[in-house]
C-alpha atoms as a PDB file:
ATOM      1  CA  MET A   1      49.922  -6.920  28.460  1.00  0.00           C
ATOM      2  CA  GLU A   2      51.004  -3.745  26.868  1.00  0.00           C
ATOM      3  CA  ILE A   3      54.753  -4.476  27.083  1.00  0.00           C
ATOM      4  CA  PHE A   4      54.460  -7.931  25.633  1.00  0.00           C
ATOM      5  CA  VAL A   5      52.488  -6.590  22.765  1.00  0.00           C
ATOM      6  CA  GLU A   6      55.128  -4.097  22.182  1.00  0.00           C
ATOM      7  CA  ILE A   7      58.302  -6.515  22.567  1.00  0.00           C
ATOM      8  CA  ILE A   8      56.201  -8.712  19.824  1.00  0.00           C
ATOM      9  CA  GLY A   9      55.742  -5.362  17.220  1.00  0.00           C
ATOM     10  CA  TRP A  10      59.580  -5.213  17.560  1.00  0.00           C
ATOM     11  CA  ILE A  11      60.172  -8.927  17.049  1.00  0.00           C
ATOM     12  CA  ALA A  12      57.938  -8.457  13.936  1.00  0.00           C
ATOM     13  CA  SER A  13      60.067  -5.046  12.819  1.00  0.00           C
ATOM     14  CA  VAL A  14      63.056  -7.249  13.109  1.00  0.00           C
ATOM     15  CA  LEU A  15      62.316 -10.377  11.728  1.00  0.00           C
ATOM     16  CA  ILE A  16      60.797  -9.026   8.435  1.00  0.00           C
ATOM     17  CA  VAL A  17      63.134  -6.071   7.894  1.00  0.00           C
ATOM     18  CA  GLY A  18      65.964  -8.275   8.875  1.00  0.00           C
ATOM     19  CA  SER A  19      64.799 -11.283   6.190  1.00  0.00           C
ATOM     20  CA  TYR A  20      63.998  -8.221   3.369  1.00  0.00           C
ATOM     21  CA  PHE A  21      67.565  -7.004   4.115  1.00  0.00           C
ATOM     22  CA  LEU A  22      69.390 -10.051   3.979  1.00  0.00           C
ATOM     23  CA  ASN A  23      67.346 -10.989   0.730  1.00  0.00           C
ATOM     24  CA  MET A  24      68.579  -7.560  -1.021  1.00  0.00           C
ATOM     25  CA  ARG A  25      71.883  -8.501  -0.292  1.00  0.00           C
ATOM     26  CA  GLY A  26      71.858 -11.904  -1.659  1.00  0.00           C
ATOM     27  CA  LYS A  27      72.307 -13.902   1.917  1.00  0.00           C
ATOM     28  CA  ILE A  28      69.067 -15.326   1.858  1.00  0.00           C
ATOM     29  CA  LEU A  29      66.505 -16.131  -1.153  1.00  0.00           C
ATOM     30  CA  ALA A  30      63.042 -15.022  -0.902  1.00  0.00           C
ATOM     31  CA  THR A  31      61.857 -18.424  -1.850  1.00  0.00           C
ATOM     32  CA  SER A  32      63.698 -20.097   1.335  1.00  0.00           C
ATOM     33  CA  PRO A  33      61.795 -21.587   4.362  1.00  0.00           C
ATOM     34  CA  LEU A  34      64.161 -19.161   6.570  1.00  0.00           C
ATOM     35  CA  TYR A  35      62.752 -16.211   4.779  1.00  0.00           C
ATOM     36  CA  ILE A  36      59.237 -16.759   4.363  1.00  0.00           C
ATOM     37  CA  TRP A  37      59.143 -17.991   7.827  1.00  0.00           C
ATOM     38  CA  SER A  38      60.620 -14.873   9.242  1.00  0.00           C
ATOM     39  CA  ASN A  39      58.090 -13.155   7.171  1.00  0.00           C
ATOM     40  CA  LEU A  40      55.004 -15.058   8.361  1.00  0.00           C
ATOM     41  CA  LEU A  41      56.080 -15.013  12.149  1.00  0.00           C
ATOM     42  CA  GLY A  42      56.530 -11.367  11.734  1.00  0.00           C
ATOM     43  CA  GLY A  43      53.359 -10.801   9.925  1.00  0.00           C
ATOM     44  CA  LEU A  44      51.765 -12.836  13.021  1.00  0.00           C
ATOM     45  CA  PHE A  45      52.905 -10.701  15.500  1.00  0.00           C
ATOM     46  CA  PHE A  46      52.246  -7.305  13.517  1.00  0.00           C
ATOM     47  CA  VAL A  47      48.437  -8.512  13.421  1.00  0.00           C
ATOM     48  CA  VAL A  48      48.799  -8.763  17.643  1.00  0.00           C
ATOM     49  CA  ASN A  49      50.572  -5.568  17.732  1.00  0.00           C
ATOM     50  CA  THR A  50      47.691  -3.822  15.218  1.00  0.00           C
ATOM     51  CA  PHE A  51      45.112  -5.388  16.824  1.00  0.00           C
ATOM     52  CA  TYR A  52      45.788  -4.171  20.103  1.00  0.00           C
ATOM     53  CA  HIS A  53      46.487  -1.060  18.851  1.00  0.00           C
ATOM     54  CA  HIS A  54      43.281  -0.773  16.773  1.00  0.00           C
ATOM     55  CA  ALA A  55      45.435  -0.222  13.728  1.00  0.00           C
ATOM     56  CA  PHE A  56      42.984  -2.460  11.242  1.00  0.00           C
ATOM     57  CA  PRO A  57      43.914  -1.527   8.099  1.00  0.00           C
ATOM     58  CA  SER A  58      47.487  -2.176   9.002  1.00  0.00           C
ATOM     59  CA  MET A  59      46.519  -5.582  10.592  1.00  0.00           C
ATOM     60  CA  ALA A  60      44.344  -6.378   7.351  1.00  0.00           C
ATOM     61  CA  VAL A  61      47.575  -6.209   5.303  1.00  0.00           C
ATOM     62  CA  ASN A  62      49.457  -8.007   7.718  1.00  0.00           C
ATOM     63  CA  ILE A  63      46.836 -11.056   7.904  1.00  0.00           C
ATOM     64  CA  ILE A  64      47.415 -10.926   3.699  1.00  0.00           C
ATOM     65  CA  TRP A  65      51.097 -11.089   4.382  1.00  0.00           C
ATOM     66  CA  VAL A  66      50.637 -14.093   6.530  1.00  0.00           C
ATOM     67  CA  LEU A  67      48.231 -15.919   3.965  1.00  0.00           C
ATOM     68  CA  ILE A  68      50.864 -15.115   1.272  1.00  0.00           C
ATOM     69  CA  ALA A  69      53.932 -16.771   3.569  1.00  0.00           C
ATOM     70  CA  ILE A  70      51.713 -19.664   4.531  1.00  0.00           C
ATOM     71  CA  GLY A  71      50.598 -20.439   0.318  1.00  0.00           C
ATOM     72  CA  SER A  72      54.517 -20.326  -0.339  1.00  0.00           C
ATOM     73  CA  LEU A  73      54.905 -22.906   2.655  1.00  0.00           C
ATOM     74  CA  LEU A  74      52.373 -25.414   1.031  1.00  0.00           C
ATOM     75  CA  LYS A  75      53.408 -24.300  -2.693  1.00  0.00           C
ATOM     76  CA  LYS A  76      54.582 -27.563  -4.266  1.00  0.00           C
ATOM     77  CA  LYS A  77      57.966 -27.443  -5.108  1.00  0.00           C
ATOM     78  CA  PRO A  78      58.853 -28.866  -8.607  1.00  0.00           C
ATOM     79  CA  SER A  79      60.348 -31.839  -9.028  1.00  0.00           C
ATOM     80  CA  ALA A  80      64.026 -31.996 -10.349  1.00  0.00           C
END
């Protein structure tokens, strides 16, 4: 179990930092589904990792991170 938790923690890091890097380089928009899903999955993986390690303040931040991503996915797009 411990190795699984560590692997998803590293995957979370790659997803969140990688999507942020691509956003800063102008490769993906912060409103793109790829960016939002990367943050949502990364946040979920961090929730599992931080819960396992009893890092509850970090877990709380990542729960909020996930809720923001879910809200972004559910947000109605304006009609053109």
